[in-house]
Amino acid sequence: MEYVRAFLAGGLLCAIVQLIIDRGKWTPAGVAGSLVVFGVLLGFGGVYDPFVAWAGAGATMPLCGFGYWLAKGAMVEPRPEGFVETGAAVFRFAGALFAFIVAGSFAAALTCKPKG
């Protein structure tokens, strides 16, 4: 059942985003940036936590989940002082996610042919 909830939640988030891109006047880059900021705001507000507990990877893998993990990284570290220490706390918490993104992007660049 966990897989079904993750599929439904992630699919619903992606469908909503696709509708925003198709029907709205937003660019894909604007929507992507907004999703990360939206995830950070919901993560700091504690609103995204119950959704993550219910949906699992369906809530954490889209871009709003990326923003959620960035917010969690800043909240978990015991009182970082200053901008640099706050950034370090975020990267310590979400470092594995960044490594996965970079490795996956590199593998996709090696295996996919660009249109041209």
PDB file of N, CA and C in Angstrom:
ATOM      1  N   MET A   1       0.811  -1.193   0.000  1.00  0.00           N
ATOM      2  CA  MET A   1       0.000   0.000   0.000  1.00  0.00           C
ATOM      3  C   MET A   1       0.859   1.263   0.000  1.00  0.00           C
ATOM      4  N   GLU A   2       2.054   1.153   0.572  1.00  0.00           N
ATOM      5  CA  GLU A   2       2.960   2.298   0.611  1.00  0.00           C
ATOM      6  C   GLU A   2       3.318   2.761  -0.806  1.00  0.00           C
ATOM      7  N   TYR A   3       3.528   1.807  -1.705  1.00  0.00           N
ATOM      8  CA  TYR A   3       3.860   2.144  -3.089  1.00  0.00           C
ATOM      9  C   TYR A   3       2.695   2.822  -3.793  1.00  0.00           C
ATOM     10  N   VAL A   4       1.497   2.385  -3.493  1.00  0.00           N
ATOM     11  CA  VAL A   4       0.303   2.977  -4.115  1.00  0.00           C
ATOM     12  C   VAL A   4       0.138   4.422  -3.665  1.00  0.00           C
ATOM     13  N   ARG A   5       0.306   4.658  -2.354  1.00  0.00           N
ATOM     14  CA  ARG A   5       0.207   6.036  -1.847  1.00  0.00           C
ATOM     15  C   ARG A   5       1.283   6.921  -2.451  1.00  0.00           C
ATOM     16  N   ALA A   6       2.515   6.416  -2.561  1.00  0.00           N
ATOM     17  CA  ALA A   6       3.600   7.202  -3.157  1.00  0.00           C
ATOM     18  C   ALA A   6       3.306   7.501  -4.624  1.00  0.00           C
ATOM     19  N   PHE A   7       2.810   6.514  -5.355  1.00  0.00           N
ATOM     20  CA  PHE A   7       2.487   6.712  -6.762  1.00  0.00           C
ATOM     21  C   PHE A   7       1.371   7.732  -6.934  1.00  0.00           C
ATOM     22  N   LEU A   8       0.323   7.620  -6.122  1.00  0.00           N
ATOM     23  CA  LEU A   8      -0.801   8.549  -6.239  1.00  0.00           C
ATOM     24  C   LEU A   8      -0.407   9.972  -5.859  1.00  0.00           C
ATOM     25  N   ALA A   9       0.345  10.122  -4.772  1.00  0.00           N
ATOM     26  CA  ALA A   9       0.749  11.459  -4.334  1.00  0.00           C
ATOM     27  C   ALA A   9       1.715  12.102  -5.331  1.00  0.00           C
ATOM     28  N   GLY A  10       2.737  11.360  -5.739  1.00  0.00           N
ATOM     29  CA  GLY A  10       3.693  11.903  -6.707  1.00  0.00           C
ATOM     30  C   GLY A  10       3.034  12.178  -8.045  1.00  0.00           C
ATOM     31  N   GLY A  11       2.158  11.280  -8.485  1.00  0.00           N
ATOM     32  CA  GLY A  11       1.454  11.491  -9.745  1.00  0.00           C
ATOM     33  C   GLY A  11       0.542  12.695  -9.699  1.00  0.00           C
ATOM     34  N   LEU A  12      -0.143  12.886  -8.567  1.00  0.00           N
ATOM     35  CA  LEU A  12      -1.022  14.042  -8.429  1.00  0.00           C
ATOM     36  C   LEU A  12      -0.223  15.343  -8.447  1.00  0.00           C
ATOM     37  N   LEU A  13       0.896  15.372  -7.715  1.00  0.00           N
ATOM     38  CA  LEU A  13       1.735  16.572  -7.725  1.00  0.00           C
ATOM     39  C   LEU A  13       2.244  16.876  -9.137  1.00  0.00           C
ATOM     40  N   CYS A  14       2.696  15.859  -9.828  1.00  0.00           N
ATOM     41  CA  CYS A  14       3.216  16.069 -11.183  1.00  0.00           C
ATOM     42  C   CYS A  14       2.117  16.485 -12.154  1.00  0.00           C
ATOM     43  N   ALA A  15       0.922  15.936 -12.000  1.00  0.00           N
ATOM     44  CA  ALA A  15      -0.193  16.317 -12.869  1.00  0.00           C
ATOM     45  C   ALA A  15      -0.589  17.774 -12.637  1.00  0.00           C
ATOM     46  N   ILE A  16      -0.613  18.197 -11.382  1.00  0.00           N
ATOM     47  CA  ILE A  16      -0.943  19.590 -11.080  1.00  0.00           C
ATOM     48  C   ILE A  16       0.091  20.531 -11.685  1.00  0.00           C
ATOM     49  N   VAL A  17       1.358  20.191 -11.540  1.00  0.00           N
ATOM     50  CA  VAL A  17       2.423  21.020 -12.096  1.00  0.00           C
ATOM     51  C   VAL A  17       2.329  21.071 -13.620  1.00  0.00           C
ATOM     52  N   GLN A  18       2.039  19.944 -14.245  1.00  0.00           N
ATOM     53  CA  GLN A  18       1.913  19.922 -15.700  1.00  0.00           C
ATOM     54  C   GLN A  18       0.745  20.793 -16.161  1.00  0.00           C
ATOM     55  N   LEU A  19      -0.348  20.767 -15.432  1.00  0.00           N
ATOM     56  CA  LEU A  19      -1.480  21.640 -15.763  1.00  0.00           C
ATOM     57  C   LEU A  19      -1.114  23.111 -15.612  1.00  0.00           C
ATOM     58  N   ILE A  20      -0.353  23.441 -14.569  1.00  0.00           N
ATOM     59  CA  ILE A  20       0.087  24.824 -14.377  1.00  0.00           C
ATOM     60  C   ILE A  20       0.955  25.267 -15.549  1.00  0.00           C
ATOM     61  N   ILE A  21       1.846  24.400 -16.003  1.00  0.00           N
ATOM     62  CA  ILE A  21       2.722  24.748 -17.126  1.00  0.00           C
ATOM     63  C   ILE A  21       1.915  24.863 -18.416  1.00  0.00           C
ATOM     64  N   ASP A  22       0.998  23.921 -18.660  1.00  0.00           N
ATOM     65  CA  ASP A  22       0.240  23.907 -19.910  1.00  0.00           C
ATOM     66  C   ASP A  22      -0.797  25.023 -19.993  1.00  0.00           C
ATOM     67  N   ARG A  23      -1.501  25.270 -18.913  1.00  0.00           N
ATOM     68  CA  ARG A  23      -2.619  26.214 -18.943  1.00  0.00           C
ATOM     69  C   ARG A  23      -2.242  27.617 -18.482  1.00  0.00           C
ATOM     70  N   GLY A  24      -1.171  27.741 -17.744  1.00  0.00           N
ATOM     71  CA  GLY A  24      -0.785  29.038 -17.200  1.00  0.00           C
ATOM     72  C   GLY A  24       0.219  29.752 -18.078  1.00  0.00           C
ATOM     73  N   LYS A  25       0.682  30.860 -17.578  1.00  0.00           N
ATOM     74  CA  LYS A  25       1.670  31.657 -18.304  1.00  0.00           C
ATOM     75  C   LYS A  25       3.053  31.530 -17.678  1.00  0.00           C
ATOM     76  N   TRP A  26       3.237  30.511 -16.854  1.00  0.00           N
ATOM     77  CA  TRP A  26       4.508  30.304 -16.179  1.00  0.00           C
ATOM     78  C   TRP A  26       5.437  29.511 -17.074  1.00  0.00           C
ATOM     79  N   THR A  27       6.713  29.794 -16.968  1.00  0.00           N
ATOM     80  CA  THR A  27       7.707  28.979 -17.670  1.00  0.00           C
ATOM     81  C   THR A  27       8.028  27.762 -16.804  1.00  0.00           C
ATOM     82  N   PRO A  28       8.538  26.701 -17.408  1.00  0.00           N
ATOM     83  CA  PRO A  28       8.918  25.537 -16.586  1.00  0.00           C
ATOM     84  C   PRO A  28       9.946  25.882 -15.512  1.00  0.00           C
ATOM     85  N   ALA A  29      10.883  26.763 -15.823  1.00  0.00           N
ATOM     86  CA  ALA A  29      11.879  27.148 -14.821  1.00  0.00           C
ATOM     87  C   ALA A  29      11.235  27.923 -13.677  1.00  0.00           C
ATOM     88  N   GLY A  30      10.268  28.766 -13.980  1.00  0.00           N
ATOM     89  CA  GLY A  30       9.565  29.506 -12.937  1.00  0.00           C
ATOM     90  C   GLY A  30       8.759  28.589 -12.041  1.00  0.00           C
ATOM     91  N   VAL A  31       8.129  27.599 -12.634  1.00  0.00           N
ATOM     92  CA  VAL A  31       7.361  26.628 -11.849  1.00  0.00           C
ATOM     93  C   VAL A  31       8.307  25.801 -10.974  1.00  0.00           C
ATOM     94  N   ALA A  32       9.447  25.395 -11.529  1.00  0.00           N
ATOM     95  CA  ALA A  32      10.406  24.594 -10.755  1.00  0.00           C
ATOM     96  C   ALA A  32      10.932  25.377  -9.555  1.00  0.00           C
ATOM     97  N   GLY A  33      11.311  26.620  -9.784  1.00  0.00           N
ATOM     98  CA  GLY A  33      11.790  27.448  -8.671  1.00  0.00           C
ATOM     99  C   GLY A  33      10.716  27.686  -7.631  1.00  0.00           C
ATOM    100  N   SER A  34       9.493  27.902  -8.096  1.00  0.00           N
ATOM    101  CA  SER A  34       8.381  28.120  -7.173  1.00  0.00           C
ATOM    102  C   SER A  34       8.097  26.878  -6.337  1.00  0.00           C
ATOM    103  N   LEU A  35       8.233  25.701  -6.935  1.00  0.00           N
ATOM    104  CA  LEU A  35       8.004  24.467  -6.189  1.00  0.00           C
ATOM    105  C   LEU A  35       9.028  24.288  -5.074  1.00  0.00           C
ATOM    106  N   VAL A  36      10.273  24.619  -5.341  1.00  0.00           N
ATOM    107  CA  VAL A  36      11.301  24.500  -4.296  1.00  0.00           C
ATOM    108  C   VAL A  36      11.002  25.477  -3.160  1.00  0.00           C
ATOM    109  N   VAL A  37      10.668  26.719  -3.500  1.00  0.00           N
ATOM    110  CA  VAL A  37      10.339  27.710  -2.470  1.00  0.00           C
ATOM    111  C   VAL A  37       9.094  27.289  -1.703  1.00  0.00           C
ATOM    112  N   PHE A  38       8.090  26.771  -2.413  1.00  0.00           N
ATOM    113  CA  PHE A  38       6.860  26.284  -1.790  1.00  0.00           C
ATOM    114  C   PHE A  38       7.174  25.157  -0.799  1.00  0.00           C
ATOM    115  N   GLY A  39       8.044  24.235  -1.192  1.00  0.00           N
ATOM    116  CA  GLY A  39       8.438  23.148  -0.308  1.00  0.00           C
ATOM    117  C   GLY A  39       9.174  23.635   0.928  1.00  0.00           C
ATOM    118  N   VAL A  40      10.032  24.640   0.749  1.00  0.00           N
ATOM    119  CA  VAL A  40      10.748  25.214   1.901  1.00  0.00           C
ATOM    120  C   VAL A  40       9.761  25.854   2.870  1.00  0.00           C
ATOM    121  N   LEU A  41       8.826  26.629   2.331  1.00  0.00           N
ATOM    122  CA  LEU A  41       7.856  27.299   3.200  1.00  0.00           C
ATOM    123  C   LEU A  41       6.968  26.296   3.938  1.00  0.00           C
ATOM    124  N   LEU A  42       6.502  25.270   3.222  1.00  0.00           N
ATOM    125  CA  LEU A  42       5.677  24.252   3.878  1.00  0.00           C
ATOM    126  C   LEU A  42       6.491  23.427   4.868  1.00  0.00           C
ATOM    127  N   GLY A  43       7.778  23.211   4.569  1.00  0.00           N
ATOM    128  CA  GLY A  43       8.642  22.477   5.495  1.00  0.00           C
ATOM    129  C   GLY A  43       8.881  23.250   6.775  1.00  0.00           C
ATOM    130  N   PHE A  44       9.148  24.549   6.658  1.00  0.00           N
ATOM    131  CA  PHE A  44       9.347  25.365   7.854  1.00  0.00           C
ATOM    132  C   PHE A  44       8.060  25.504   8.658  1.00  0.00           C
ATOM    133  N   GLY A  45       6.932  25.525   7.958  1.00  0.00           N
ATOM    134  CA  GLY A  45       5.655  25.660   8.653  1.00  0.00           C
ATOM    135  C   GLY A  45       5.158  24.381   9.289  1.00  0.00           C
ATOM    136  N   GLY A  46       5.808  23.244   8.988  1.00  0.00           N
ATOM    137  CA  GLY A  46       5.383  21.971   9.545  1.00  0.00           C
ATOM    138  C   GLY A  46       4.166  21.375   8.846  1.00  0.00           C
ATOM    139  N   VAL A  47       3.733  21.990   7.757  1.00  0.00           N
ATOM    140  CA  VAL A  47       2.553  21.527   7.035  1.00  0.00           C
ATOM    141  C   VAL A  47       2.882  20.309   6.173  1.00  0.00           C
ATOM    142  N   TYR A  48       4.107  20.242   5.685  1.00  0.00           N
ATOM    143  CA  TYR A  48       4.490  19.172   4.759  1.00  0.00           C
ATOM    144  C   TYR A  48       4.795  17.858   5.474  1.00  0.00           C
ATOM    145  N   ASP A  49       5.076  17.913   6.763  1.00  0.00           N
ATOM    146  CA  ASP A  49       5.427  16.705   7.523  1.00  0.00           C
ATOM    147  C   ASP A  49       4.350  15.616   7.493  1.00  0.00           C
ATOM    148  N   PRO A  50       3.071  15.941   7.746  1.00  0.00           N
ATOM    149  CA  PRO A  50       2.056  14.884   7.679  1.00  0.00           C
ATOM    150  C   PRO A  50       1.901  14.305   6.273  1.00  0.00           C
ATOM    151  N   PHE A  51       2.066  15.144   5.258  1.00  0.00           N
ATOM    152  CA  PHE A  51       1.971  14.662   3.881  1.00  0.00           C
ATOM    153  C   PHE A  51       3.113  13.703   3.570  1.00  0.00           C
ATOM    154  N   VAL A  52       4.315  14.009   4.044  1.00  0.00           N
ATOM    155  CA  VAL A  52       5.466  13.121   3.851  1.00  0.00           C
ATOM    156  C   VAL A  52       5.255  11.815   4.609  1.00  0.00           C
ATOM    157  N   ALA A  53       4.709  11.888   5.805  1.00  0.00           N
ATOM    158  CA  ALA A  53       4.452  10.673   6.580  1.00  0.00           C
ATOM    159  C   ALA A  53       3.442   9.771   5.870  1.00  0.00           C
ATOM    160  N   TRP A  54       2.464  10.363   5.190  1.00  0.00           N
ATOM    161  CA  TRP A  54       1.462   9.568   4.487  1.00  0.00           C
ATOM    162  C   TRP A  54       1.956   9.091   3.123  1.00  0.00           C
ATOM    163  N   ALA A  55       2.567   9.982   2.338  1.00  0.00           N
ATOM    164  CA  ALA A  55       2.896   9.671   0.944  1.00  0.00           C
ATOM    165  C   ALA A  55       4.298   9.122   0.759  1.00  0.00           C
ATOM    166  N   GLY A  56       5.190   9.305   1.699  1.00  0.00           N
ATOM    167  CA  GLY A  56       6.552   8.791   1.563  1.00  0.00           C
ATOM    168  C   GLY A  56       7.291   9.423   0.393  1.00  0.00           C
ATOM    169  N   ALA A  57       7.840   8.580  -0.478  1.00  0.00           N
ATOM    170  CA  ALA A  57       8.636   9.064  -1.606  1.00  0.00           C
ATOM    171  C   ALA A  57       7.803   9.863  -2.600  1.00  0.00           C
ATOM    172  N   GLY A  58       6.508   9.674  -2.637  1.00  0.00           N
ATOM    173  CA  GLY A  58       5.654  10.448  -3.517  1.00  0.00           C
ATOM    174  C   GLY A  58       5.622  11.921  -3.147  1.00  0.00           C
ATOM    175  N   ALA A  59       5.961  12.227  -1.904  1.00  0.00           N
ATOM    176  CA  ALA A  59       6.006  13.618  -1.448  1.00  0.00           C
ATOM    177  C   ALA A  59       7.423  14.171  -1.428  1.00  0.00           C
ATOM    178  N   THR A  60       8.416  13.309  -1.273  1.00  0.00           N
ATOM    179  CA  THR A  60       9.782  13.813  -1.128  1.00  0.00           C
ATOM    180  C   THR A  60      10.571  13.862  -2.432  1.00  0.00           C
ATOM    181  N   MET A  61      10.143  13.144  -3.451  1.00  0.00           N
ATOM    182  CA  MET A  61      10.911  13.120  -4.698  1.00  0.00           C
ATOM    183  C   MET A  61      10.622  14.280  -5.646  1.00  0.00           C
ATOM    184  N   PRO A  62       9.400  14.827  -5.722  1.00  0.00           N
ATOM    185  CA  PRO A  62       9.204  16.002  -6.576  1.00  0.00           C
ATOM    186  C   PRO A  62       9.977  17.204  -6.044  1.00  0.00           C
ATOM    187  N   LEU A  63      10.001  18.283  -6.797  1.00  0.00           N
ATOM    188  CA  LEU A  63      10.788  19.454  -6.414  1.00  0.00           C
ATOM    189  C   LEU A  63      10.329  20.091  -5.113  1.00  0.00           C
ATOM    190  N   CYS A  64       9.050  20.021  -4.795  1.00  0.00           N
ATOM    191  CA  CYS A  64       8.612  20.572  -3.518  1.00  0.00           C
ATOM    192  C   CYS A  64       9.181  19.740  -2.358  1.00  0.00           C
ATOM    193  N   GLY A  65       9.409  18.462  -2.588  1.00  0.00           N
ATOM    194  CA  GLY A  65      10.071  17.627  -1.591  1.00  0.00           C
ATOM    195  C   GLY A  65      11.528  18.006  -1.412  1.00  0.00           C
ATOM    196  N   PHE A  66      12.169  18.436  -2.494  1.00  0.00           N
ATOM    197  CA  PHE A  66      13.544  18.920  -2.404  1.00  0.00           C
ATOM    198  C   PHE A  66      13.607  20.155  -1.510  1.00  0.00           C
ATOM    199  N   GLY A  67      12.666  21.067  -1.687  1.00  0.00           N
ATOM    200  CA  GLY A  67      12.603  22.238  -0.818  1.00  0.00           C
ATOM    201  C   GLY A  67      12.332  21.854   0.626  1.00  0.00           C
ATOM    202  N   TYR A  68      11.491  20.845   0.816  1.00  0.00           N
ATOM    203  CA  TYR A  68      11.202  20.348   2.158  1.00  0.00           C
ATOM    204  C   TYR A  68      12.478  19.843   2.834  1.00  0.00           C
ATOM    205  N   TRP A  69      13.311  19.081   2.096  1.00  0.00           N
ATOM    206  CA  TRP A  69      14.553  18.567   2.689  1.00  0.00           C
ATOM    207  C   TRP A  69      15.525  19.690   2.995  1.00  0.00           C
ATOM    208  N   LEU A  70      15.546  20.733   2.167  1.00  0.00           N
ATOM    209  CA  LEU A  70      16.400  21.878   2.474  1.00  0.00           C
ATOM    210  C   LEU A  70      15.952  22.562   3.768  1.00  0.00           C
ATOM    211  N   ALA A  71      14.647  22.710   3.943  1.00  0.00           N
ATOM    212  CA  ALA A  71      14.136  23.315   5.173  1.00  0.00           C
ATOM    213  C   ALA A  71      14.453  22.442   6.378  1.00  0.00           C
ATOM    214  N   LYS A  72      14.306  21.123   6.224  1.00  0.00           N
ATOM    215  CA  LYS A  72      14.611  20.216   7.324  1.00  0.00           C
ATOM    216  C   LYS A  72      16.080  20.311   7.723  1.00  0.00           C
ATOM    217  N   GLY A  73      16.960  20.457   6.735  1.00  0.00           N
ATOM    218  CA  GLY A  73      18.379  20.585   7.041  1.00  0.00           C
ATOM    219  C   GLY A  73      18.683  21.809   7.871  1.00  0.00           C
ATOM    220  N   ALA A  74      17.985  22.895   7.598  1.00  0.00           N
ATOM    221  CA  ALA A  74      18.209  24.115   8.371  1.00  0.00           C
ATOM    222  C   ALA A  74      17.594  24.013   9.764  1.00  0.00           C
ATOM    223  N   MET A  75      16.531  23.224   9.910  1.00  0.00           N
ATOM    224  CA  MET A  75      15.860  23.127  11.213  1.00  0.00           C
ATOM    225  C   MET A  75      16.489  22.080  12.125  1.00  0.00           C
ATOM    226  N   VAL A  76      17.129  21.063  11.579  1.00  0.00           N
ATOM    227  CA  VAL A  76      17.669  19.979  12.398  1.00  0.00           C
ATOM    228  C   VAL A  76      18.966  20.389  13.093  1.00  0.00           C
ATOM    229  N   GLU A  77      19.794  21.132  12.404  1.00  0.00           N
ATOM    230  CA  GLU A  77      21.086  21.550  12.964  1.00  0.00           C
ATOM    231  C   GLU A  77      20.848  22.410  14.205  1.00  0.00           C
ATOM    232  N   PRO A  78      21.573  22.162  15.305  1.00  0.00           N
ATOM    233  CA  PRO A  78      21.348  22.934  16.528  1.00  0.00           C
ATOM    234  C   PRO A  78      21.843  24.381  16.406  1.00  0.00           C
ATOM    235  N   ARG A  79      20.953  25.270  16.147  1.00  0.00           N
ATOM    236  CA  ARG A  79      21.181  26.720  16.102  1.00  0.00           C
ATOM    237  C   ARG A  79      22.440  27.160  15.376  1.00  0.00           C
ATOM    238  N   PRO A  80      22.477  27.023  14.067  1.00  0.00           N
ATOM    239  CA  PRO A  80      23.633  27.544  13.342  1.00  0.00           C
ATOM    240  C   PRO A  80      23.647  29.064  13.404  1.00  0.00           C
ATOM    241  N   GLU A  81      24.844  29.624  13.519  1.00  0.00           N
ATOM    242  CA  GLU A  81      24.981  31.075  13.613  1.00  0.00           C
ATOM    243  C   GLU A  81      25.565  31.593  12.315  1.00  0.00           C
ATOM    244  N   GLY A  82      24.824  32.406  11.634  1.00  0.00           N
ATOM    245  CA  GLY A  82      25.320  33.023  10.414  1.00  0.00           C
ATOM    246  C   GLY A  82      24.877  32.285   9.163  1.00  0.00           C
ATOM    247  N   PHE A  83      25.067  32.962   8.070  1.00  0.00           N
ATOM    248  CA  PHE A  83      24.625  32.461   6.768  1.00  0.00           C
ATOM    249  C   PHE A  83      25.407  31.228   6.332  1.00  0.00           C
ATOM    250  N   VAL A  84      26.716  31.238   6.534  1.00  0.00           N
ATOM    251  CA  VAL A  84      27.563  30.131   6.087  1.00  0.00           C
ATOM    252  C   VAL A  84      27.262  28.869   6.891  1.00  0.00           C
ATOM    253  N   GLU A  85      27.112  28.982   8.194  1.00  0.00           N
ATOM    254  CA  GLU A  85      26.811  27.807   9.017  1.00  0.00           C
ATOM    255  C   GLU A  85      25.423  27.254   8.720  1.00  0.00           C
ATOM    256  N   THR A  86      24.458  28.120   8.404  1.00  0.00           N
ATOM    257  CA  THR A  86      23.132  27.645   8.023  1.00  0.00           C
ATOM    258  C   THR A  86      23.206  26.881   6.712  1.00  0.00           C
ATOM    259  N   GLY A  87      23.952  27.401   5.743  1.00  0.00           N
ATOM    260  CA  GLY A  87      24.137  26.698   4.471  1.00  0.00           C
ATOM    261  C   GLY A  87      24.826  25.363   4.658  1.00  0.00           C
ATOM    262  N   ALA A  88      25.813  25.315   5.536  1.00  0.00           N
ATOM    263  CA  ALA A  88      26.507  24.059   5.807  1.00  0.00           C
ATOM    264  C   ALA A  88      25.562  23.051   6.443  1.00  0.00           C
ATOM    265  N   ALA A  89      24.668  23.505   7.317  1.00  0.00           N
ATOM    266  CA  ALA A  89      23.701  22.596   7.939  1.00  0.00           C
ATOM    267  C   ALA A  89      22.764  22.004   6.894  1.00  0.00           C
ATOM    268  N   VAL A  90      22.337  22.828   5.965  1.00  0.00           N
ATOM    269  CA  VAL A  90      21.450  22.348   4.905  1.00  0.00           C
ATOM    270  C   VAL A  90      22.162  21.304   4.062  1.00  0.00           C
ATOM    271  N   PHE A  91      23.402  21.565   3.680  1.00  0.00           N
ATOM    272  CA  PHE A  91      24.127  20.638   2.820  1.00  0.00           C
ATOM    273  C   PHE A  91      24.526  19.358   3.542  1.00  0.00           C
ATOM    274  N   ARG A  92      24.768  19.412   4.848  1.00  0.00           N
ATOM    275  CA  ARG A  92      25.053  18.186   5.590  1.00  0.00           C
ATOM    276  C   ARG A  92      23.832  17.282   5.619  1.00  0.00           C
ATOM    277  N   PHE A  93      22.661  17.865   5.750  1.00  0.00           N
ATOM    278  CA  PHE A  93      21.429  17.080   5.846  1.00  0.00           C
ATOM    279  C   PHE A  93      20.988  16.554   4.485  1.00  0.00           C
ATOM    280  N   ALA A  94      21.113  17.377   3.456  1.00  0.00           N
ATOM    281  CA  ALA A  94      20.619  17.008   2.123  1.00  0.00           C
ATOM    282  C   ALA A  94      21.763  16.635   1.176  1.00  0.00           C
ATOM    283  N   GLY A  95      22.929  16.332   1.709  1.00  0.00           N
ATOM    284  CA  GLY A  95      24.089  16.027   0.874  1.00  0.00           C
ATOM    285  C   GLY A  95      23.917  14.796   0.005  1.00  0.00           C
ATOM    286  N   ALA A  96      23.321  13.747   0.557  1.00  0.00           N
ATOM    287  CA  ALA A  96      23.101  12.527  -0.225  1.00  0.00           C
ATOM    288  C   ALA A  96      22.150  12.798  -1.381  1.00  0.00           C
ATOM    289  N   LEU A  97      21.160  13.635  -1.149  1.00  0.00           N
ATOM    290  CA  LEU A  97      20.226  13.988  -2.217  1.00  0.00           C
ATOM    291  C   LEU A  97      20.941  14.751  -3.327  1.00  0.00           C
ATOM    292  N   PHE A  98      21.802  15.678  -2.967  1.00  0.00           N
ATOM    293  CA  PHE A  98      22.575  16.408  -3.975  1.00  0.00           C
ATOM    294  C   PHE A  98      23.475  15.466  -4.770  1.00  0.00           C
ATOM    295  N   ALA A  99      24.120  14.545  -4.081  1.00  0.00           N
ATOM    296  CA  ALA A  99      24.995  13.592  -4.766  1.00  0.00           C
ATOM    297  C   ALA A  99      24.202  12.731  -5.746  1.00  0.00           C
ATOM    298  N   PHE A 100      23.022  12.287  -5.357  1.00  0.00           N
ATOM    299  CA  PHE A 100      22.167  11.505  -6.245  1.00  0.00           C
ATOM    300  C   PHE A 100      21.748  12.319  -7.468  1.00  0.00           C
ATOM    301  N   ILE A 101      21.413  13.578  -7.265  1.00  0.00           N
ATOM    302  CA  ILE A 101      21.006  14.442  -8.378  1.00  0.00           C
ATOM    303  C   ILE A 101      22.152  14.629  -9.355  1.00  0.00           C
ATOM    304  N   VAL A 102      23.334  14.887  -8.860  1.00  0.00           N
ATOM    305  CA  VAL A 102      24.490  15.096  -9.735  1.00  0.00           C
ATOM    306  C   VAL A 102      24.836  13.809 -10.479  1.00  0.00           C
ATOM    307  N   ALA A 103      24.869  12.677  -9.777  1.00  0.00           N
ATOM    308  CA  ALA A 103      25.193  11.404 -10.429  1.00  0.00           C
ATOM    309  C   ALA A 103      24.138  11.012 -11.455  1.00  0.00           C
ATOM    310  N   GLY A 104      22.875  11.212 -11.133  1.00  0.00           N
ATOM    311  CA  GLY A 104      21.809  10.901 -12.077  1.00  0.00           C
ATOM    312  C   GLY A 104      21.841  11.794 -13.303  1.00  0.00           C
ATOM    313  N   SER A 105      22.121  13.060 -13.116  1.00  0.00           N
ATOM    314  CA  SER A 105      22.218  13.985 -14.243  1.00  0.00           C
ATOM    315  C   SER A 105      23.399  13.629 -15.139  1.00  0.00           C
ATOM    316  N   PHE A 106      24.503  13.251 -14.529  1.00  0.00           N
ATOM    317  CA  PHE A 106      25.672  12.866 -15.300  1.00  0.00           C
ATOM    318  C   PHE A 106      25.398  11.597 -16.123  1.00  0.00           C
ATOM    319  N   ALA A 107      24.747  10.620 -15.499  1.00  0.00           N
ATOM    320  CA  ALA A 107      24.411   9.380 -16.210  1.00  0.00           C
ATOM    321  C   ALA A 107      23.433   9.661 -17.351  1.00  0.00           C
ATOM    322  N   ALA A 108      22.468  10.544 -17.125  1.00  0.00           N
ATOM    323  CA  ALA A 108      21.527  10.890 -18.192  1.00  0.00           C
ATOM    324  C   ALA A 108      22.231  11.612 -19.331  1.00  0.00           C
ATOM    325  N   ALA A 109      23.182  12.461 -19.013  1.00  0.00           N
ATOM    326  CA  ALA A 109      23.924  13.173 -20.051  1.00  0.00           C
ATOM    327  C   ALA A 109      24.772  12.216 -20.881  1.00  0.00           C
ATOM    328  N   LEU A 110      25.270  11.156 -20.277  1.00  0.00           N
ATOM    329  CA  LEU A 110      26.084  10.194 -21.011  1.00  0.00           C
ATOM    330  C   LEU A 110      25.240   9.274 -21.891  1.00  0.00           C
ATOM    331  N   THR A 111      24.025   8.972 -21.461  1.00  0.00           N
ATOM    332  CA  THR A 111      23.244   7.966 -22.161  1.00  0.00           C
ATOM    333  C   THR A 111      22.191   8.518 -23.123  1.00  0.00           C
ATOM    334  N   CYS A 112      21.807   9.769 -22.973  1.00  0.00           N
ATOM    335  CA  CYS A 112      20.726  10.320 -23.792  1.00  0.00           C
ATOM    336  C   CYS A 112      21.296  11.182 -24.929  1.00  0.00           C
ATOM    337  N   LYS A 113      20.600  11.164 -26.057  1.00  0.00           N
ATOM    338  CA  LYS A 113      20.985  11.996 -27.179  1.00  0.00           C
ATOM    339  C   LYS A 113      20.123  13.260 -27.184  1.00  0.00           C
ATOM    340  N   PRO A 114      20.742  14.424 -27.271  1.00  0.00           N
ATOM    341  CA  PRO A 114      19.935  15.648 -27.328  1.00  0.00           C
ATOM    342  C   PRO A 114      19.249  15.789 -28.674  1.00  0.00           C
ATOM    343  N   LYS A 115      18.112  16.450 -28.663  1.00  0.00           N
ATOM    344  CA  LYS A 115      17.421  16.730 -29.933  1.00  0.00           C
ATOM    345  C   LYS A 115      18.160  17.868 -30.621  1.00  0.00           C
ATOM    346  N   GLY A 116      18.203  17.785 -31.922  1.00  0.00           N
ATOM    347  CA  GLY A 116      18.927  18.881 -32.566  1.00  0.00           C
ATOM    348  C   GLY A 116      18.843  18.907 -34.023  1.00  0.00           C
TER     349      GLY A 116
END
